[in-house]
Structure formats: C-alpha cells, structure tokens
Amino acid sequence: MSSDVLEGKLVRDRIPEIIRENGAVPVTYIADPEEYRRRLELKLVEEVDEFLGADDEAKQAEAADILEVLLALVAEIGLDPDQLEKIRCAKADERGGFANRVVWTGNR
C-alpha cells in the first residue's frame, strides 16, 4: 500500500469531534489493522518532517506528536511504554546514548 494510493490521513481521535464543534461534518472511517499500521508509519514520517522543518519553539510540540505516533506504533507490535523504556535503557546501558555528541568517521 503506497502513500499516493491512500486517500485521507490518519488523525488524532478527537479531531472529528473538534471539526463538528466548529460546525463542519467530518467524513471518516475506521482503518483495518493493516491500513492503520501503514498509516501510522506514514504519520511518523510526516511528524519527523514537520519536526525537522520547525523552529526550536515549535519543535517541542512536534516532538510530542512524534512520541504519540511512536507509542501507537509500538503498541501495534505488542509493547507498552514501560517495556519500550526498558529496552531503551538496556540499549543505552550497553551502547550509550547521544548526549556526548560523538561523531564516528570510520576506522584506521
């Protein structure tokens, strides 16, 4: 399923309600599991692109959007946020994080 074939876009759960409150009538449907997962993946790319194009102040809200989509995606693969954090911590313990700004340019 490619993104150019998909009509519409995945939106947050309350968006149809907000549209109705503003006097319009939203046209929506519920995606099946396969489509939902694909749309979440596309949404993640969209949110990362928005983050990269934002100024520092807007990056805060965009980072929250990325996290929301990521949490939905990991739920789709059977992880809850606590499990994800444990995996993240284990990787950080084993390989480190990114706080030291280390850039690798190859080996000698």
PDB file of N, CA and C in Angstrom:
ATOM      1  N   MET A   1       0.850  -1.167   0.000  1.00  0.00           N
ATOM      2  CA  MET A   1       0.000   0.000   0.000  1.00  0.00           C
ATOM      3  C   MET A   1       0.897   1.231   0.000  1.00  0.00           C
ATOM      4  N   SER A   2       0.956   1.986  -1.085  1.00  0.00           N
ATOM      5  CA  SER A   2       1.807   3.169  -1.137  1.00  0.00           C
ATOM      6  C   SER A   2       1.032   4.396  -0.703  1.00  0.00           C
ATOM      7  N   SER A   3       1.763   5.424  -0.244  1.00  0.00           N
ATOM      8  CA  SER A   3       1.118   6.607   0.307  1.00  0.00           C
ATOM      9  C   SER A   3       0.306   7.358  -0.729  1.00  0.00           C
ATOM     10  N   ASP A   4       0.697   7.293  -2.025  1.00  0.00           N
ATOM     11  CA  ASP A   4      -0.051   8.029  -3.031  1.00  0.00           C
ATOM     12  C   ASP A   4      -1.381   7.369  -3.362  1.00  0.00           C
ATOM     13  N   VAL A   5      -1.600   6.142  -2.932  1.00  0.00           N
ATOM     14  CA  VAL A   5      -2.855   5.444  -3.163  1.00  0.00           C
ATOM     15  C   VAL A   5      -3.845   5.723  -2.028  1.00  0.00           C
ATOM     16  N   LEU A   6      -3.338   6.059  -0.870  1.00  0.00           N
ATOM     17  CA  LEU A   6      -4.181   6.281   0.288  1.00  0.00           C
ATOM     18  C   LEU A   6      -4.878   7.635   0.197  1.00  0.00           C
ATOM     19  N   GLU A   7      -6.178   7.619   0.395  1.00  0.00           N
ATOM     20  CA  GLU A   7      -6.940   8.858   0.447  1.00  0.00           C
ATOM     21  C   GLU A   7      -7.141   9.221   1.911  1.00  0.00           C
ATOM     22  N   GLY A   8      -7.127  10.499   2.213  1.00  0.00           N
ATOM     23  CA  GLY A   8      -7.299  10.940   3.578  1.00  0.00           C
ATOM     24  C   GLY A   8      -6.027  10.772   4.378  1.00  0.00           C
ATOM     25  N   LYS A   9      -6.136  11.045   5.674  1.00  0.00           N
ATOM     26  CA  LYS A   9      -4.963  10.871   6.528  1.00  0.00           C
ATOM     27  C   LYS A   9      -5.403  10.493   7.925  1.00  0.00           C
ATOM     28  N   LEU A  10      -4.531   9.800   8.606  1.00  0.00           N
ATOM     29  CA  LEU A  10      -4.773   9.408   9.981  1.00  0.00           C
ATOM     30  C   LEU A  10      -4.731  10.654  10.852  1.00  0.00           C
ATOM     31  N   VAL A  11      -5.755  10.813  11.689  1.00  0.00           N
ATOM     32  CA  VAL A  11      -5.818  11.967  12.584  1.00  0.00           C
ATOM     33  C   VAL A  11      -6.023  11.495  14.013  1.00  0.00           C
ATOM     34  N   ARG A  12      -5.733  12.377  14.952  1.00  0.00           N
ATOM     35  CA  ARG A  12      -5.962  12.076  16.359  1.00  0.00           C
ATOM     36  C   ARG A  12      -7.442  11.804  16.594  1.00  0.00           C
ATOM     37  N   ASP A  13      -7.734  11.000  17.607  1.00  0.00           N
ATOM     38  CA  ASP A  13      -9.091  10.505  17.866  1.00  0.00           C
ATOM     39  C   ASP A  13     -10.145  11.594  18.042  1.00  0.00           C
ATOM     40  N   ARG A  14      -9.782  12.725  18.611  1.00  0.00           N
ATOM     41  CA  ARG A  14     -10.773  13.765  18.882  1.00  0.00           C
ATOM     42  C   ARG A  14     -10.964  14.749  17.724  1.00  0.00           C
ATOM     43  N   ILE A  15     -10.202  14.613  16.646  1.00  0.00           N
ATOM     44  CA  ILE A  15     -10.300  15.564  15.531  1.00  0.00           C
ATOM     45  C   ILE A  15     -11.708  15.611  14.933  1.00  0.00           C
ATOM     46  N   PRO A  16     -12.385  14.485  14.686  1.00  0.00           N
ATOM     47  CA  PRO A  16     -13.757  14.588  14.164  1.00  0.00           C
ATOM     48  C   PRO A  16     -14.689  15.370  15.111  1.00  0.00           C
ATOM     49  N   GLU A  17     -14.550  15.148  16.399  1.00  0.00           N
ATOM     50  CA  GLU A  17     -15.359  15.876  17.386  1.00  0.00           C
ATOM     51  C   GLU A  17     -15.073  17.380  17.313  1.00  0.00           C
ATOM     52  N   ILE A  18     -13.815  17.737  17.196  1.00  0.00           N
ATOM     53  CA  ILE A  18     -13.428  19.149  17.104  1.00  0.00           C
ATOM     54  C   ILE A  18     -13.969  19.767  15.817  1.00  0.00           C
ATOM     55  N   ILE A  19     -13.925  19.019  14.730  1.00  0.00           N
ATOM     56  CA  ILE A  19     -14.477  19.505  13.459  1.00  0.00           C
ATOM     57  C   ILE A  19     -15.978  19.770  13.605  1.00  0.00           C
ATOM     58  N   ARG A  20     -16.697  18.832  14.240  1.00  0.00           N
ATOM     59  CA  ARG A  20     -18.138  19.015  14.469  1.00  0.00           C
ATOM     60  C   ARG A  20     -18.410  20.241  15.333  1.00  0.00           C
ATOM     61  N   GLU A  21     -17.603  20.435  16.376  1.00  0.00           N
ATOM     62  CA  GLU A  21     -17.763  21.601  17.251  1.00  0.00           C
ATOM     63  C   GLU A  21     -17.580  22.904  16.489  1.00  0.00           C
ATOM     64  N   ASN A  22     -16.811  22.859  15.404  1.00  0.00           N
ATOM     65  CA  ASN A  22     -16.581  24.044  14.570  1.00  0.00           C
ATOM     66  C   ASN A  22     -17.584  24.167  13.434  1.00  0.00           C
ATOM     67  N   GLY A  23     -18.643  23.329  13.457  1.00  0.00           N
ATOM     68  CA  GLY A  23     -19.746  23.474  12.520  1.00  0.00           C
ATOM     69  C   GLY A  23     -19.641  22.705  11.221  1.00  0.00           C
ATOM     70  N   ALA A  24     -18.609  21.906  11.041  1.00  0.00           N
ATOM     71  CA  ALA A  24     -18.464  21.115   9.813  1.00  0.00           C
ATOM     72  C   ALA A  24     -18.824  19.656  10.110  1.00  0.00           C
ATOM     73  N   VAL A  25     -18.982  18.890   9.044  1.00  0.00           N
ATOM     74  CA  VAL A  25     -19.320  17.476   9.176  1.00  0.00           C
ATOM     75  C   VAL A  25     -18.147  16.655   8.633  1.00  0.00           C
ATOM     76  N   PRO A  26     -17.393  16.010   9.521  1.00  0.00           N
ATOM     77  CA  PRO A  26     -16.249  15.226   9.056  1.00  0.00           C
ATOM     78  C   PRO A  26     -16.696  13.926   8.387  1.00  0.00           C
ATOM     79  N   VAL A  27     -15.987  13.532   7.367  1.00  0.00           N
ATOM     80  CA  VAL A  27     -16.206  12.238   6.717  1.00  0.00           C
ATOM     81  C   VAL A  27     -15.033  11.360   7.128  1.00  0.00           C
ATOM     82  N   THR A  28     -15.329  10.269   7.844  1.00  0.00           N
ATOM     83  CA  THR A  28     -14.285   9.414   8.385  1.00  0.00           C
ATOM     84  C   THR A  28     -14.653   7.942   8.228  1.00  0.00           C
ATOM     85  N   TYR A  29     -13.687   7.090   8.431  1.00  0.00           N
ATOM     86  CA  TYR A  29     -13.907   5.652   8.573  1.00  0.00           C
ATOM     87  C   TYR A  29     -12.819   5.103   9.469  1.00  0.00           C
ATOM     88  N   ILE A  30     -13.007   3.905   9.965  1.00  0.00           N
ATOM     89  CA  ILE A  30     -12.031   3.249  10.820  1.00  0.00           C
ATOM     90  C   ILE A  30     -11.166   2.330   9.958  1.00  0.00           C
ATOM     91  N   ALA A  31      -9.870   2.542   9.996  1.00  0.00           N
ATOM     92  CA  ALA A  31      -8.934   1.737   9.209  1.00  0.00           C
ATOM     93  C   ALA A  31      -8.855   0.320   9.767  1.00  0.00           C
ATOM     94  N   ASP A  32      -8.672  -0.643   8.879  1.00  0.00           N
ATOM     95  CA  ASP A  32      -8.425  -2.005   9.351  1.00  0.00           C
ATOM     96  C   ASP A  32      -6.992  -2.058   9.904  1.00  0.00           C
ATOM     97  N   PRO A  33      -6.645  -3.114  10.627  1.00  0.00           N
ATOM     98  CA  PRO A  33      -5.322  -3.162  11.277  1.00  0.00           C
ATOM     99  C   PRO A  33      -4.143  -2.955  10.337  1.00  0.00           C
ATOM    100  N   GLU A  34      -4.178  -3.545   9.149  1.00  0.00           N
ATOM    101  CA  GLU A  34      -3.062  -3.390   8.208  1.00  0.00           C
ATOM    102  C   GLU A  34      -2.940  -1.938   7.734  1.00  0.00           C
ATOM    103  N   GLU A  35      -4.062  -1.348   7.375  1.00  0.00           N
ATOM    104  CA  GLU A  35      -4.040   0.047   6.925  1.00  0.00           C
ATOM    105  C   GLU A  35      -3.621   0.973   8.069  1.00  0.00           C
ATOM    106  N   TYR A  36      -4.135   0.700   9.260  1.00  0.00           N
ATOM    107  CA  TYR A  36      -3.800   1.519  10.424  1.00  0.00           C
ATOM    108  C   TYR A  36      -2.293   1.546  10.654  1.00  0.00           C
ATOM    109  N   ARG A  37      -1.678   0.380  10.613  1.00  0.00           N
ATOM    110  CA  ARG A  37      -0.228   0.311  10.835  1.00  0.00           C
ATOM    111  C   ARG A  37       0.527   1.066   9.756  1.00  0.00           C
ATOM    112  N   ARG A  38       0.124   0.911   8.502  1.00  0.00           N
ATOM    113  CA  ARG A  38       0.780   1.624   7.395  1.00  0.00           C
ATOM    114  C   ARG A  38       0.600   3.126   7.564  1.00  0.00           C
ATOM    115  N   ARG A  39      -0.607   3.537   7.942  1.00  0.00           N
ATOM    116  CA  ARG A  39      -0.857   4.971   8.132  1.00  0.00           C
ATOM    117  C   ARG A  39      -0.068   5.520   9.322  1.00  0.00           C
ATOM    118  N   LEU A  40       0.098   4.735  10.362  1.00  0.00           N
ATOM    119  CA  LEU A  40       0.944   5.175  11.477  1.00  0.00           C
ATOM    120  C   LEU A  40       2.386   5.378  11.014  1.00  0.00           C
ATOM    121  N   GLU A  41       2.878   4.466  10.194  1.00  0.00           N
ATOM    122  CA  GLU A  41       4.244   4.608   9.677  1.00  0.00           C
ATOM    123  C   GLU A  41       4.377   5.881   8.847  1.00  0.00           C
ATOM    124  N   LEU A  42       3.390   6.138   7.996  1.00  0.00           N
ATOM    125  CA  LEU A  42       3.408   7.361   7.189  1.00  0.00           C
ATOM    126  C   LEU A  42       3.291   8.599   8.078  1.00  0.00           C
ATOM    127  N   LYS A  43       2.481   8.508   9.115  1.00  0.00           N
ATOM    128  CA  LYS A  43       2.306   9.622  10.045  1.00  0.00           C
ATOM    129  C   LYS A  43       3.605   9.917  10.773  1.00  0.00           C
ATOM    130  N   LEU A  44       4.352   8.878  11.128  1.00  0.00           N
ATOM    131  CA  LEU A  44       5.636   9.076  11.788  1.00  0.00           C
ATOM    132  C   LEU A  44       6.583   9.867  10.889  1.00  0.00           C
ATOM    133  N   VAL A  45       6.643   9.501   9.620  1.00  0.00           N
ATOM    134  CA  VAL A  45       7.488  10.222   8.666  1.00  0.00           C
ATOM    135  C   VAL A  45       7.016  11.673   8.554  1.00  0.00           C
ATOM    136  N   GLU A  46       5.708  11.878   8.468  1.00  0.00           N
ATOM    137  CA  GLU A  46       5.147  13.231   8.382  1.00  0.00           C
ATOM    138  C   GLU A  46       5.545  14.069   9.608  1.00  0.00           C
ATOM    139  N   GLU A  47       5.404  13.485  10.786  1.00  0.00           N
ATOM    140  CA  GLU A  47       5.714  14.219  12.008  1.00  0.00           C
ATOM    141  C   GLU A  47       7.211  14.503  12.121  1.00  0.00           C
ATOM    142  N   VAL A  48       8.056  13.573  11.721  1.00  0.00           N
ATOM    143  CA  VAL A  48       9.503  13.818  11.742  1.00  0.00           C
ATOM    144  C   VAL A  48       9.849  14.932  10.763  1.00  0.00           C
ATOM    145  N   ASP A  49       9.254  14.920   9.571  1.00  0.00           N
ATOM    146  CA  ASP A  49       9.490  16.001   8.605  1.00  0.00           C
ATOM    147  C   ASP A  49       9.080  17.350   9.182  1.00  0.00           C
ATOM    148  N   GLU A  50       7.935  17.394   9.865  1.00  0.00           N
ATOM    149  CA  GLU A  50       7.484  18.642  10.482  1.00  0.00           C
ATOM    150  C   GLU A  50       8.446  19.086  11.577  1.00  0.00           C
ATOM    151  N   PHE A  51       8.937  18.140  12.364  1.00  0.00           N
ATOM    152  CA  PHE A  51       9.917  18.449  13.409  1.00  0.00           C
ATOM    153  C   PHE A  51      11.170  19.061  12.790  1.00  0.00           C
ATOM    154  N   LEU A  52      11.675  18.433  11.741  1.00  0.00           N
ATOM    155  CA  LEU A  52      12.907  18.904  11.113  1.00  0.00           C
ATOM    156  C   LEU A  52      12.758  20.292  10.514  1.00  0.00           C
ATOM    157  N   GLY A  53      11.553  20.634  10.075  1.00  0.00           N
ATOM    158  CA  GLY A  53      11.322  21.942   9.466  1.00  0.00           C
ATOM    159  C   GLY A  53      10.888  23.025  10.434  1.00  0.00           C
ATOM    160  N   ALA A  54      10.726  22.682  11.700  1.00  0.00           N
ATOM    161  CA  ALA A  54      10.203  23.628  12.679  1.00  0.00           C
ATOM    162  C   ALA A  54      11.318  24.422  13.353  1.00  0.00           C
ATOM    163  N   ASP A  55      10.943  25.592  13.881  1.00  0.00           N
ATOM    164  CA  ASP A  55      11.891  26.338  14.706  1.00  0.00           C
ATOM    165  C   ASP A  55      11.946  25.690  16.090  1.00  0.00           C
ATOM    166  N   ASP A  56      12.875  26.145  16.905  1.00  0.00           N
ATOM    167  CA  ASP A  56      13.095  25.485  18.201  1.00  0.00           C
ATOM    168  C   ASP A  56      11.841  25.463  19.073  1.00  0.00           C
ATOM    169  N   GLU A  57      11.052  26.525  19.068  1.00  0.00           N
ATOM    170  CA  GLU A  57       9.841  26.547  19.890  1.00  0.00           C
ATOM    171  C   GLU A  57       8.813  25.534  19.393  1.00  0.00           C
ATOM    172  N   ALA A  58       8.594  25.482  18.089  1.00  0.00           N
ATOM    173  CA  ALA A  58       7.627  24.552  17.513  1.00  0.00           C
ATOM    174  C   ALA A  58       8.104  23.108  17.612  1.00  0.00           C
ATOM    175  N   LYS A  59       9.410  22.887  17.682  1.00  0.00           N
ATOM    176  CA  LYS A  59       9.949  21.526  17.795  1.00  0.00           C
ATOM    177  C   LYS A  59       9.413  20.808  19.028  1.00  0.00           C
ATOM    178  N   GLN A  60       9.100  21.549  20.087  1.00  0.00           N
ATOM    179  CA  GLN A  60       8.594  20.924  21.306  1.00  0.00           C
ATOM    180  C   GLN A  60       7.273  20.211  21.031  1.00  0.00           C
ATOM    181  N   ALA A  61       6.336  20.897  20.376  1.00  0.00           N
ATOM    182  CA  ALA A  61       5.038  20.291  20.049  1.00  0.00           C
ATOM    183  C   ALA A  61       5.210  19.172  19.033  1.00  0.00           C
ATOM    184  N   GLU A  62       6.105  19.359  18.076  1.00  0.00           N
ATOM    185  CA  GLU A  62       6.334  18.329  17.062  1.00  0.00           C
ATOM    186  C   GLU A  62       6.948  17.081  17.694  1.00  0.00           C
ATOM    187  N   ALA A  63       7.828  17.254  18.675  1.00  0.00           N
ATOM    188  CA  ALA A  63       8.409  16.103  19.372  1.00  0.00           C
ATOM    189  C   ALA A  63       7.319  15.318  20.098  1.00  0.00           C
ATOM    190  N   ALA A  64       6.366  16.026  20.693  1.00  0.00           N
ATOM    191  CA  ALA A  64       5.252  15.352  21.367  1.00  0.00           C
ATOM    192  C   ALA A  64       4.413  14.570  20.360  1.00  0.00           C
ATOM    193  N   ASP A  65       4.216  15.127  19.159  1.00  0.00           N
ATOM    194  CA  ASP A  65       3.479  14.414  18.114  1.00  0.00           C
ATOM    195  C   ASP A  65       4.214  13.147  17.693  1.00  0.00           C
ATOM    196  N   ILE A  66       5.528  13.244  17.546  1.00  0.00           N
ATOM    197  CA  ILE A  66       6.334  12.066  17.185  1.00  0.00           C
ATOM    198  C   ILE A  66       6.175  10.984  18.244  1.00  0.00           C
ATOM    199  N   LEU A  67       6.263  11.379  19.496  1.00  0.00           N
ATOM    200  CA  LEU A  67       6.141  10.409  20.582  1.00  0.00           C
ATOM    201  C   LEU A  67       4.764   9.753  20.581  1.00  0.00           C
ATOM    202  N   GLU A  68       3.710  10.526  20.347  1.00  0.00           N
ATOM    203  CA  GLU A  68       2.347   9.974  20.312  1.00  0.00           C
ATOM    204  C   GLU A  68       2.219   8.911  19.219  1.00  0.00           C
ATOM    205  N   VAL A  69       2.743   9.205  18.036  1.00  0.00           N
ATOM    206  CA  VAL A  69       2.678   8.248  16.932  1.00  0.00           C
ATOM    207  C   VAL A  69       3.555   7.035  17.238  1.00  0.00           C
ATOM    208  N   LEU A  70       4.735   7.265  17.772  1.00  0.00           N
ATOM    209  CA  LEU A  70       5.632   6.157  18.100  1.00  0.00           C
ATOM    210  C   LEU A  70       5.013   5.222  19.136  1.00  0.00           C
ATOM    211  N   LEU A  71       4.372   5.793  20.147  1.00  0.00           N
ATOM    212  CA  LEU A  71       3.716   4.953  21.156  1.00  0.00           C
ATOM    213  C   LEU A  71       2.590   4.124  20.543  1.00  0.00           C
ATOM    214  N   ALA A  72       1.847   4.695  19.609  1.00  0.00           N
ATOM    215  CA  ALA A  72       0.801   3.929  18.927  1.00  0.00           C
ATOM    216  C   ALA A  72       1.412   2.807  18.096  1.00  0.00           C
ATOM    217  N   LEU A  73       2.527   3.093  17.423  1.00  0.00           N
ATOM    218  CA  LEU A  73       3.198   2.070  16.614  1.00  0.00           C
ATOM    219  C   LEU A  73       3.737   0.938  17.471  1.00  0.00           C
ATOM    220  N   VAL A  74       4.367   1.258  18.582  1.00  0.00           N
ATOM    221  CA  VAL A  74       4.913   0.181  19.405  1.00  0.00           C
ATOM    222  C   VAL A  74       3.803  -0.634  20.051  1.00  0.00           C
ATOM    223  N   ALA A  75       2.666   0.001  20.325  1.00  0.00           N
ATOM    224  CA  ALA A  75       1.517  -0.761  20.827  1.00  0.00           C
ATOM    225  C   ALA A  75       1.069  -1.772  19.773  1.00  0.00           C
ATOM    226  N   GLU A  76       1.158  -1.397  18.513  1.00  0.00           N
ATOM    227  CA  GLU A  76       0.784  -2.303  17.420  1.00  0.00           C
ATOM    228  C   GLU A  76       1.698  -3.517  17.334  1.00  0.00           C
ATOM    229  N   ILE A  77       2.928  -3.402  17.819  1.00  0.00           N
ATOM    230  CA  ILE A  77       3.835  -4.555  17.797  1.00  0.00           C
ATOM    231  C   ILE A  77       3.894  -5.246  19.157  1.00  0.00           C
ATOM    232  N   GLY A  78       2.986  -4.852  20.045  1.00  0.00           N
ATOM    233  CA  GLY A  78       2.833  -5.570  21.296  1.00  0.00           C
ATOM    234  C   GLY A  78       3.635  -5.054  22.479  1.00  0.00           C
ATOM    235  N   LEU A  79       4.156  -3.838  22.392  1.00  0.00           N
ATOM    236  CA  LEU A  79       4.909  -3.261  23.503  1.00  0.00           C
ATOM    237  C   LEU A  79       4.095  -2.171  24.185  1.00  0.00           C
ATOM    238  N   ASP A  80       4.254  -2.075  25.501  1.00  0.00           N
ATOM    239  CA  ASP A  80       3.676  -0.927  26.188  1.00  0.00           C
ATOM    240  C   ASP A  80       4.818   0.060  26.480  1.00  0.00           C
ATOM    241  N   PRO A  81       4.489   1.288  26.864  1.00  0.00           N
ATOM    242  CA  PRO A  81       5.544   2.296  27.082  1.00  0.00           C
ATOM    243  C   PRO A  81       6.605   1.870  28.098  1.00  0.00           C
ATOM    244  N   ASP A  82       6.215   1.148  29.145  1.00  0.00           N
ATOM    245  CA  ASP A  82       7.199   0.697  30.133  1.00  0.00           C
ATOM    246  C   ASP A  82       8.182  -0.298  29.526  1.00  0.00           C
ATOM    247  N   GLN A  83       7.678  -1.214  28.705  1.00  0.00           N
ATOM    248  CA  GLN A  83       8.565  -2.173  28.042  1.00  0.00           C
ATOM    249  C   GLN A  83       9.514  -1.446  27.089  1.00  0.00           C
ATOM    250  N   LEU A  84       8.982  -0.479  26.360  1.00  0.00           N
ATOM    251  CA  LEU A  84       9.810   0.293  25.433  1.00  0.00           C
ATOM    252  C   LEU A  84      10.920   1.012  26.186  1.00  0.00           C
ATOM    253  N   GLU A  85      10.582   1.610  27.318  1.00  0.00           N
ATOM    254  CA  GLU A  85      11.583   2.323  28.112  1.00  0.00           C
ATOM    255  C   GLU A  85      12.648   1.365  28.643  1.00  0.00           C
ATOM    256  N   LYS A  86      12.261   0.168  29.025  1.00  0.00           N
ATOM    257  CA  LYS A  86      13.243  -0.825  29.486  1.00  0.00           C
ATOM    258  C   LYS A  86      14.207  -1.191  28.361  1.00  0.00           C
ATOM    259  N   ILE A  87      13.680  -1.360  27.159  1.00  0.00           N
ATOM    260  CA  ILE A  87      14.534  -1.668  26.004  1.00  0.00           C
ATOM    261  C   ILE A  87      15.473  -0.504  25.723  1.00  0.00           C
ATOM    262  N   ARG A  88      14.936   0.719  25.768  1.00  0.00           N
ATOM    263  CA  ARG A  88      15.748   1.905  25.531  1.00  0.00           C
ATOM    264  C   ARG A  88      16.875   1.998  26.561  1.00  0.00           C
ATOM    265  N   CYS A  89      16.542   1.776  27.828  1.00  0.00           N
ATOM    266  CA  CYS A  89      17.550   1.839  28.893  1.00  0.00           C
ATOM    267  C   CYS A  89      18.617   0.765  28.732  1.00  0.00           C
ATOM    268  N   ALA A  90      18.202  -0.431  28.365  1.00  0.00           N
ATOM    269  CA  ALA A  90      19.166  -1.518  28.161  1.00  0.00           C
ATOM    270  C   ALA A  90      20.123  -1.180  27.026  1.00  0.00           C
ATOM    271  N   LYS A  91      19.603  -0.632  25.942  1.00  0.00           N
ATOM    272  CA  LYS A  91      20.472  -0.234  24.832  1.00  0.00           C
ATOM    273  C   LYS A  91      21.405   0.891  25.246  1.00  0.00           C
ATOM    274  N   ALA A  92      20.878   1.843  26.022  1.00  0.00           N
ATOM    275  CA  ALA A  92      21.710   2.954  26.489  1.00  0.00           C
ATOM    276  C   ALA A  92      22.812   2.451  27.418  1.00  0.00           C
ATOM    277  N   ASP A  93      22.472   1.492  28.280  1.00  0.00           N
ATOM    278  CA  ASP A  93      23.491   0.915  29.173  1.00  0.00           C
ATOM    279  C   ASP A  93      24.573   0.197  28.377  1.00  0.00           C
ATOM    280  N   GLU A  94      24.161  -0.526  27.353  1.00  0.00           N
ATOM    281  CA  GLU A  94      25.103  -1.322  26.555  1.00  0.00           C
ATOM    282  C   GLU A  94      25.917  -0.470  25.589  1.00  0.00           C
ATOM    283  N   ARG A  95      25.258   0.481  24.918  1.00  0.00           N
ATOM    284  CA  ARG A  95      25.906   1.209  23.826  1.00  0.00           C
ATOM    285  C   ARG A  95      26.020   2.707  24.050  1.00  0.00           C
ATOM    286  N   GLY A  96      25.380   3.193  25.106  1.00  0.00           N
ATOM    287  CA  GLY A  96      25.390   4.625  25.384  1.00  0.00           C
ATOM    288  C   GLY A  96      24.211   5.320  24.737  1.00  0.00           C
ATOM    289  N   GLY A  97      24.138   6.615  24.997  1.00  0.00           N
ATOM    290  CA  GLY A  97      23.090   7.444  24.394  1.00  0.00           C
ATOM    291  C   GLY A  97      23.710   8.362  23.358  1.00  0.00           C
ATOM    292  N   PHE A  98      23.209   9.576  23.271  1.00  0.00           N
ATOM    293  CA  PHE A  98      23.721  10.540  22.299  1.00  0.00           C
ATOM    294  C   PHE A  98      24.129  11.855  22.945  1.00  0.00           C
ATOM    295  N   ALA A  99      24.140  11.904  24.272  1.00  0.00           N
ATOM    296  CA  ALA A  99      24.395  13.144  24.997  1.00  0.00           C
ATOM    297  C   ALA A  99      25.798  13.708  24.771  1.00  0.00           C
ATOM    298  N   ASN A 100      26.767  12.861  24.483  1.00  0.00           N
ATOM    299  CA  ASN A 100      28.155  13.321  24.335  1.00  0.00           C
ATOM    300  C   ASN A 100      28.479  13.837  22.934  1.00  0.00           C
ATOM    301  N   ARG A 101      27.507  13.776  22.021  1.00  0.00           N
ATOM    302  CA  ARG A 101      27.652  14.341  20.657  1.00  0.00           C
ATOM    303  C   ARG A 101      28.806  13.706  19.872  1.00  0.00           C
ATOM    304  N   VAL A 102      29.066  12.423  20.079  1.00  0.00           N
ATOM    305  CA  VAL A 102      30.157  11.714  19.408  1.00  0.00           C
ATOM    306  C   VAL A 102      29.799  11.486  17.939  1.00  0.00           C
ATOM    307  N   VAL A 103      30.725  11.832  17.044  1.00  0.00           N
ATOM    308  CA  VAL A 103      30.558  11.589  15.607  1.00  0.00           C
ATOM    309  C   VAL A 103      31.661  10.631  15.177  1.00  0.00           C
ATOM    310  N   TRP A 104      31.273   9.512  14.589  1.00  0.00           N
ATOM    311  CA  TRP A 104      32.221   8.499  14.113  1.00  0.00           C
ATOM    312  C   TRP A 104      32.503   8.748  12.650  1.00  0.00           C
ATOM    313  N   THR A 105      33.780   8.743  12.252  1.00  0.00           N
ATOM    314  CA  THR A 105      34.148   8.990  10.848  1.00  0.00           C
ATOM    315  C   THR A 105      34.811   7.782  10.205  1.00  0.00           C
ATOM    316  N   GLY A 106      34.864   6.656  10.893  1.00  0.00           N
ATOM    317  CA  GLY A 106      35.462   5.448  10.315  1.00  0.00           C
ATOM    318  C   GLY A 106      36.534   4.903  11.220  1.00  0.00           C
ATOM    319  N   ASN A 107      37.244   3.898  10.712  1.00  0.00           N
ATOM    320  CA  ASN A 107      38.318   3.223  11.459  1.00  0.00           C
ATOM    321  C   ASN A 107      39.646   3.398  10.737  1.00  0.00           C
ATOM    322  N   ARG A 108      40.736   3.204  11.471  1.00  0.00           N
ATOM    323  CA  ARG A 108      42.087   3.241  10.868  1.00  0.00           C
ATOM    324  C   ARG A 108      42.644   1.859  10.792  1.00  0.00           C
TER     325      ARG A 108
END
